[in-house]
């Protein structure tokens, strides 16, 4: 029986850069909940102990589906050059910004539509979720303030409604501007009201 063919590159030594990328990939997988802490410890041990590409590939066995083209070249997607987050987000910044700005005219409906139409885990979907969650809190606050204004004679509610309106406009615009820049900005309201109706991941 003939031996199974292995690409010569699999016997090449692992570089520090490849090892760092593999560690980063596993850290992201653990942070996303794709692997348990025990599995992470085991796989990261394999990465640190790998001396060849073949051994490094073994750290991802059963976890990553390797395309046939990558198998033919003896390459593994887990330790290819990392794409900076800003570059990943470059293509979707316009839509992400629009998700925030659309709320100025549509309230929760613009961000909700963009969230539904955007690919999962994409930058526009994440920003649309942020915009929707903020607009939901803002809408609920408006309703409460208007009800209190209607059932009481306190002029303070007129003042609070005005302040809430200014804050809503400013935070909506800032959210849109940050999304256009590709920034992973957190609305300060989220730190106070931790409502996440749509997942922001």
C-alpha atoms as a PDB file:
ATOM      1  CA  UNK A   1       0.000   0.000   0.000  1.00  0.00           C
ATOM      2  CA  UNK A   2       1.408   3.390  -0.941  1.00  0.00           C
ATOM      3  CA  UNK A   3       1.857   6.041   1.698  1.00  0.00           C
ATOM      4  CA  UNK A   4      -0.659   8.887   1.859  1.00  0.00           C
ATOM      5  CA  UNK A   5       0.718  11.933   0.063  1.00  0.00           C
ATOM      6  CA  UNK A   6       1.531  14.913   2.259  1.00  0.00           C
ATOM      7  CA  UNK A   7       2.468  18.311   0.927  1.00  0.00           C
ATOM      8  CA  UNK A   8       6.150  19.081   1.596  1.00  0.00           C
ATOM      9  CA  UNK A   9       5.221  22.327   3.346  1.00  0.00           C
ATOM     10  CA  UNK A  10       3.668  20.321   6.191  1.00  0.00           C
ATOM     11  CA  UNK A  11       7.154  19.402   7.361  1.00  0.00           C
ATOM     12  CA  UNK A  12       8.313  23.024   7.457  1.00  0.00           C
ATOM     13  CA  UNK A  13       9.013  24.468  10.910  1.00  0.00           C
ATOM     14  CA  UNK A  14       6.369  26.654  12.507  1.00  0.00           C
ATOM     15  CA  UNK A  15       7.214  30.336  12.533  1.00  0.00           C
ATOM     16  CA  UNK A  16       6.545  32.633  15.495  1.00  0.00           C
ATOM     17  CA  UNK A  17       4.069  34.551  13.348  1.00  0.00           C
ATOM     18  CA  UNK A  18       2.097  31.398  12.501  1.00  0.00           C
ATOM     19  CA  UNK A  19       2.055  30.333  16.135  1.00  0.00           C
ATOM     20  CA  UNK A  20       0.815  33.770  17.216  1.00  0.00           C
ATOM     21  CA  UNK A  21      -1.976  33.669  14.631  1.00  0.00           C
ATOM     22  CA  UNK A  22      -3.010  30.198  15.736  1.00  0.00           C
ATOM     23  CA  UNK A  23      -3.122  31.330  19.382  1.00  0.00           C
ATOM     24  CA  UNK A  24      -5.194  34.369  18.411  1.00  0.00           C
ATOM     25  CA  UNK A  25      -7.626  32.188  16.427  1.00  0.00           C
ATOM     26  CA  UNK A  26      -8.152  29.847  19.387  1.00  0.00           C
ATOM     27  CA  UNK A  27      -8.610  32.785  21.769  1.00  0.00           C
ATOM     28  CA  UNK A  28     -11.360  34.165  19.535  1.00  0.00           C
ATOM     29  CA  UNK A  29     -12.988  30.736  19.297  1.00  0.00           C
ATOM     30  CA  UNK A  30     -12.993  30.467  23.088  1.00  0.00           C
ATOM     31  CA  UNK A  31     -14.328  34.019  23.520  1.00  0.00           C
ATOM     32  CA  UNK A  32     -17.149  33.240  21.063  1.00  0.00           C
ATOM     33  CA  UNK A  33     -18.067  30.081  22.975  1.00  0.00           C
ATOM     34  CA  UNK A  34     -17.105  27.704  20.164  1.00  0.00           C
ATOM     35  CA  UNK A  35     -14.781  25.725  22.433  1.00  0.00           C
ATOM     36  CA  UNK A  36     -14.777  25.017  26.170  1.00  0.00           C
ATOM     37  CA  UNK A  37     -12.015  26.091  28.548  1.00  0.00           C
ATOM     38  CA  UNK A  38     -10.749  22.488  28.733  1.00  0.00           C
ATOM     39  CA  UNK A  39     -10.658  22.204  24.950  1.00  0.00           C
ATOM     40  CA  UNK A  40      -8.952  25.584  24.699  1.00  0.00           C
ATOM     41  CA  UNK A  41      -6.241  24.501  27.159  1.00  0.00           C
ATOM     42  CA  UNK A  42      -5.673  21.272  25.229  1.00  0.00           C
ATOM     43  CA  UNK A  43      -5.521  22.907  21.807  1.00  0.00           C
ATOM     44  CA  UNK A  44      -3.383  25.841  22.921  1.00  0.00           C
ATOM     45  CA  UNK A  45      -0.957  23.298  24.371  1.00  0.00           C
ATOM     46  CA  UNK A  46      -0.757  21.653  20.955  1.00  0.00           C
ATOM     47  CA  UNK A  47      -0.081  25.024  19.336  1.00  0.00           C
ATOM     48  CA  UNK A  48       2.689  25.888  21.775  1.00  0.00           C
ATOM     49  CA  UNK A  49       4.257  22.442  21.413  1.00  0.00           C
ATOM     50  CA  UNK A  50       4.030  22.233  17.608  1.00  0.00           C
ATOM     51  CA  UNK A  51       7.317  22.260  15.739  1.00  0.00           C
ATOM     52  CA  UNK A  52       5.990  21.620  12.212  1.00  0.00           C
ATOM     53  CA  UNK A  53       2.987  22.850  10.253  1.00  0.00           C
ATOM     54  CA  UNK A  54       1.490  19.367  10.376  1.00  0.00           C
ATOM     55  CA  UNK A  55       1.597  19.395  14.181  1.00  0.00           C
ATOM     56  CA  UNK A  56       0.158  22.910  14.252  1.00  0.00           C
ATOM     57  CA  UNK A  57      -2.685  21.807  11.961  1.00  0.00           C
ATOM     58  CA  UNK A  58      -3.476  19.045  14.451  1.00  0.00           C
ATOM     59  CA  UNK A  59      -4.446  21.666  17.042  1.00  0.00           C
ATOM     60  CA  UNK A  60      -7.468  22.513  14.868  1.00  0.00           C
ATOM     61  CA  UNK A  61      -8.528  18.975  13.968  1.00  0.00           C
ATOM     62  CA  UNK A  62     -12.326  18.678  14.039  1.00  0.00           C
ATOM     63  CA  UNK A  63     -12.725  22.390  14.745  1.00  0.00           C
ATOM     64  CA  UNK A  64     -12.027  24.018  11.380  1.00  0.00           C
ATOM     65  CA  UNK A  65     -13.233  22.853   7.981  1.00  0.00           C
ATOM     66  CA  UNK A  66     -10.187  23.149   5.723  1.00  0.00           C
ATOM     67  CA  UNK A  67     -11.023  23.835   2.041  1.00  0.00           C
ATOM     68  CA  UNK A  68      -9.599  21.421  -0.513  1.00  0.00           C
ATOM     69  CA  UNK A  69      -7.459  24.199  -2.002  1.00  0.00           C
ATOM     70  CA  UNK A  70      -5.825  24.827   1.367  1.00  0.00           C
ATOM     71  CA  UNK A  71      -5.292  21.098   1.935  1.00  0.00           C
ATOM     72  CA  UNK A  72      -3.537  20.821  -1.418  1.00  0.00           C
ATOM     73  CA  UNK A  73      -1.111  23.564  -0.422  1.00  0.00           C
ATOM     74  CA  UNK A  74      -0.598  22.249   3.075  1.00  0.00           C
ATOM     75  CA  UNK A  75      -2.041  25.479   4.492  1.00  0.00           C
ATOM     76  CA  UNK A  76      -4.491  26.000   7.321  1.00  0.00           C
ATOM     77  CA  UNK A  77      -6.980  28.893   7.532  1.00  0.00           C
ATOM     78  CA  UNK A  78      -6.502  29.292  11.268  1.00  0.00           C
ATOM     79  CA  UNK A  79      -3.031  30.768  10.932  1.00  0.00           C
ATOM     80  CA  UNK A  80      -3.223  32.684   7.701  1.00  0.00           C
ATOM     81  CA  UNK A  81      -2.373  36.393   7.919  1.00  0.00           C
ATOM     82  CA  UNK A  82      -4.832  38.122  10.209  1.00  0.00           C
ATOM     83  CA  UNK A  83      -7.031  40.818   8.719  1.00  0.00           C
ATOM     84  CA  UNK A  84      -7.138  43.915  10.895  1.00  0.00           C
ATOM     85  CA  UNK A  85     -10.650  44.639  12.274  1.00  0.00           C
ATOM     86  CA  UNK A  86     -10.646  48.005  10.479  1.00  0.00           C
ATOM     87  CA  UNK A  87     -10.100  46.293   7.129  1.00  0.00           C
ATOM     88  CA  UNK A  88     -12.865  43.780   7.810  1.00  0.00           C
ATOM     89  CA  UNK A  89     -15.239  46.612   8.573  1.00  0.00           C
ATOM     90  CA  UNK A  90     -14.194  48.824   5.649  1.00  0.00           C
ATOM     91  CA  UNK A  91     -16.803  47.524   3.197  1.00  0.00           C
ATOM     92  CA  UNK A  92     -19.725  47.785   5.608  1.00  0.00           C
ATOM     93  CA  UNK A  93     -19.086  51.150   7.207  1.00  0.00           C
ATOM     94  CA  UNK A  94     -21.522  53.055   5.007  1.00  0.00           C
ATOM     95  CA  UNK A  95     -24.388  50.672   5.719  1.00  0.00           C
ATOM     96  CA  UNK A  96     -23.455  50.552   9.412  1.00  0.00           C
ATOM     97  CA  UNK A  97     -23.551  54.342   9.622  1.00  0.00           C
ATOM     98  CA  UNK A  98     -26.862  54.444   7.778  1.00  0.00           C
ATOM     99  CA  UNK A  99     -28.315  51.987  10.297  1.00  0.00           C
ATOM    100  CA  UNK A 100     -27.806  54.608  12.999  1.00  0.00           C
ATOM    101  CA  UNK A 101     -28.785  57.672  10.961  1.00  0.00           C
ATOM    102  CA  UNK A 102     -31.950  56.022   9.616  1.00  0.00           C
ATOM    103  CA  UNK A 103     -33.338  56.010  13.151  1.00  0.00           C
ATOM    104  CA  UNK A 104     -33.672  59.803  13.022  1.00  0.00           C
ATOM    105  CA  UNK A 105     -36.571  59.288  10.599  1.00  0.00           C
ATOM    106  CA  UNK A 106     -37.714  55.731  11.278  1.00  0.00           C
ATOM    107  CA  UNK A 107     -36.983  55.117  14.978  1.00  0.00           C
ATOM    108  CA  UNK A 108     -36.405  51.371  15.509  1.00  0.00           C
ATOM    109  CA  UNK A 109     -37.555  50.300  12.039  1.00  0.00           C
ATOM    110  CA  UNK A 110     -34.556  51.419   9.970  1.00  0.00           C
ATOM    111  CA  UNK A 111     -31.970  49.660  12.175  1.00  0.00           C
ATOM    112  CA  UNK A 112     -34.233  46.588  12.385  1.00  0.00           C
ATOM    113  CA  UNK A 113     -34.474  46.326   8.598  1.00  0.00           C
ATOM    114  CA  UNK A 114     -30.709  46.629   8.131  1.00  0.00           C
ATOM    115  CA  UNK A 115     -30.118  44.069  10.891  1.00  0.00           C
ATOM    116  CA  UNK A 116     -32.439  41.608   9.128  1.00  0.00           C
ATOM    117  CA  UNK A 117     -30.789  42.122   5.727  1.00  0.00           C
ATOM    118  CA  UNK A 118     -27.145  42.043   6.866  1.00  0.00           C
ATOM    119  CA  UNK A 119     -25.079  38.822   7.016  1.00  0.00           C
ATOM    120  CA  UNK A 120     -24.546  37.306  10.445  1.00  0.00           C
ATOM    121  CA  UNK A 121     -21.474  38.503  12.341  1.00  0.00           C
ATOM    122  CA  UNK A 122     -20.982  41.334   9.827  1.00  0.00           C
ATOM    123  CA  UNK A 123     -20.105  44.862  10.927  1.00  0.00           C
ATOM    124  CA  UNK A 124     -23.356  46.409   9.579  1.00  0.00           C
ATOM    125  CA  UNK A 125     -25.458  43.812  11.450  1.00  0.00           C
ATOM    126  CA  UNK A 126     -23.579  44.486  14.690  1.00  0.00           C
ATOM    127  CA  UNK A 127     -24.021  48.260  14.361  1.00  0.00           C
ATOM    128  CA  UNK A 128     -27.669  47.869  13.334  1.00  0.00           C
ATOM    129  CA  UNK A 129     -28.230  45.875  16.526  1.00  0.00           C
ATOM    130  CA  UNK A 130     -26.561  48.620  18.568  1.00  0.00           C
ATOM    131  CA  UNK A 131     -28.726  51.244  16.879  1.00  0.00           C
ATOM    132  CA  UNK A 132     -31.914  49.227  17.389  1.00  0.00           C
ATOM    133  CA  UNK A 133     -31.211  48.581  21.070  1.00  0.00           C
ATOM    134  CA  UNK A 134     -30.534  52.250  21.739  1.00  0.00           C
ATOM    135  CA  UNK A 135     -33.616  53.365  19.814  1.00  0.00           C
ATOM    136  CA  UNK A 136     -35.752  50.852  21.735  1.00  0.00           C
ATOM    137  CA  UNK A 137     -34.588  52.321  25.045  1.00  0.00           C
ATOM    138  CA  UNK A 138     -35.117  55.850  23.714  1.00  0.00           C
ATOM    139  CA  UNK A 139     -38.626  55.014  22.478  1.00  0.00           C
ATOM    140  CA  UNK A 140     -39.588  53.478  25.829  1.00  0.00           C
ATOM    141  CA  UNK A 141     -38.246  56.563  27.612  1.00  0.00           C
ATOM    142  CA  UNK A 142     -40.281  58.852  25.343  1.00  0.00           C
ATOM    143  CA  UNK A 143     -43.452  56.905  26.057  1.00  0.00           C
ATOM    144  CA  UNK A 144     -42.900  57.014  29.828  1.00  0.00           C
ATOM    145  CA  UNK A 145     -42.150  60.741  29.827  1.00  0.00           C
ATOM    146  CA  UNK A 146     -45.184  61.541  27.653  1.00  0.00           C
ATOM    147  CA  UNK A 147     -47.471  59.491  29.911  1.00  0.00           C
ATOM    148  CA  UNK A 148     -46.121  61.220  33.028  1.00  0.00           C
ATOM    149  CA  UNK A 149     -46.513  64.603  31.350  1.00  0.00           C
ATOM    150  CA  UNK A 150     -50.118  63.795  30.473  1.00  0.00           C
ATOM    151  CA  UNK A 151     -51.186  62.611  33.922  1.00  0.00           C
ATOM    152  CA  UNK A 152     -49.363  65.252  35.981  1.00  0.00           C
ATOM    153  CA  UNK A 153     -49.085  69.010  35.989  1.00  0.00           C
ATOM    154  CA  UNK A 154     -45.371  69.081  36.670  1.00  0.00           C
ATOM    155  CA  UNK A 155     -43.514  71.326  34.232  1.00  0.00           C
ATOM    156  CA  UNK A 156     -40.323  69.397  34.897  1.00  0.00           C
ATOM    157  CA  UNK A 157     -41.446  66.763  32.416  1.00  0.00           C
ATOM    158  CA  UNK A 158     -41.483  69.335  29.604  1.00  0.00           C
ATOM    159  CA  UNK A 159     -37.861  70.103  30.464  1.00  0.00           C
ATOM    160  CA  UNK A 160     -36.928  66.410  30.638  1.00  0.00           C
ATOM    161  CA  UNK A 161     -38.560  65.733  27.270  1.00  0.00           C
ATOM    162  CA  UNK A 162     -36.476  68.502  25.736  1.00  0.00           C
ATOM    163  CA  UNK A 163     -33.264  67.159  27.268  1.00  0.00           C
ATOM    164  CA  UNK A 164     -34.144  63.618  26.179  1.00  0.00           C
ATOM    165  CA  UNK A 165     -34.733  64.808  22.611  1.00  0.00           C
ATOM    166  CA  UNK A 166     -31.357  66.555  22.430  1.00  0.00           C
ATOM    167  CA  UNK A 167     -29.597  63.542  23.933  1.00  0.00           C
ATOM    168  CA  UNK A 168     -31.330  61.197  21.510  1.00  0.00           C
ATOM    169  CA  UNK A 169     -30.277  63.235  18.469  1.00  0.00           C
ATOM    170  CA  UNK A 170     -26.677  63.654  19.672  1.00  0.00           C
ATOM    171  CA  UNK A 171     -26.158  59.981  20.554  1.00  0.00           C
ATOM    172  CA  UNK A 172     -27.790  58.797  17.330  1.00  0.00           C
ATOM    173  CA  UNK A 173     -25.541  61.054  15.242  1.00  0.00           C
ATOM    174  CA  UNK A 174     -22.419  60.100  17.217  1.00  0.00           C
ATOM    175  CA  UNK A 175     -23.264  56.407  16.812  1.00  0.00           C
ATOM    176  CA  UNK A 176     -23.584  56.866  13.051  1.00  0.00           C
ATOM    177  CA  UNK A 177     -20.353  58.859  12.816  1.00  0.00           C
ATOM    178  CA  UNK A 178     -18.434  56.252  14.794  1.00  0.00           C
ATOM    179  CA  UNK A 179     -19.818  53.478  12.597  1.00  0.00           C
ATOM    180  CA  UNK A 180     -18.717  55.355   9.463  1.00  0.00           C
ATOM    181  CA  UNK A 181     -15.213  55.466  10.923  1.00  0.00           C
ATOM    182  CA  UNK A 182     -15.275  51.739  11.663  1.00  0.00           C
ATOM    183  CA  UNK A 183     -15.005  52.287  15.418  1.00  0.00           C
ATOM    184  CA  UNK A 184     -16.371  49.758  17.896  1.00  0.00           C
ATOM    185  CA  UNK A 185     -18.094  52.452  19.962  1.00  0.00           C
ATOM    186  CA  UNK A 186     -20.327  51.706  22.928  1.00  0.00           C
ATOM    187  CA  UNK A 187     -23.267  54.027  23.530  1.00  0.00           C
ATOM    188  CA  UNK A 188     -23.055  55.369  27.116  1.00  0.00           C
ATOM    189  CA  UNK A 189     -26.753  54.557  27.603  1.00  0.00           C
ATOM    190  CA  UNK A 190     -25.804  50.863  27.255  1.00  0.00           C
ATOM    191  CA  UNK A 191     -23.676  51.154  30.399  1.00  0.00           C
ATOM    192  CA  UNK A 192     -26.744  52.273  32.379  1.00  0.00           C
ATOM    193  CA  UNK A 193     -29.562  50.344  30.681  1.00  0.00           C
ATOM    194  CA  UNK A 194     -28.164  46.936  29.739  1.00  0.00           C
ATOM    195  CA  UNK A 195     -30.968  45.937  27.383  1.00  0.00           C
ATOM    196  CA  UNK A 196     -29.910  43.895  24.360  1.00  0.00           C
ATOM    197  CA  UNK A 197     -33.021  42.941  22.408  1.00  0.00           C
ATOM    198  CA  UNK A 198     -30.826  42.196  19.372  1.00  0.00           C
ATOM    199  CA  UNK A 199     -27.438  40.527  19.790  1.00  0.00           C
ATOM    200  CA  UNK A 200     -24.594  42.977  19.191  1.00  0.00           C
ATOM    201  CA  UNK A 201     -22.024  40.247  18.466  1.00  0.00           C
END
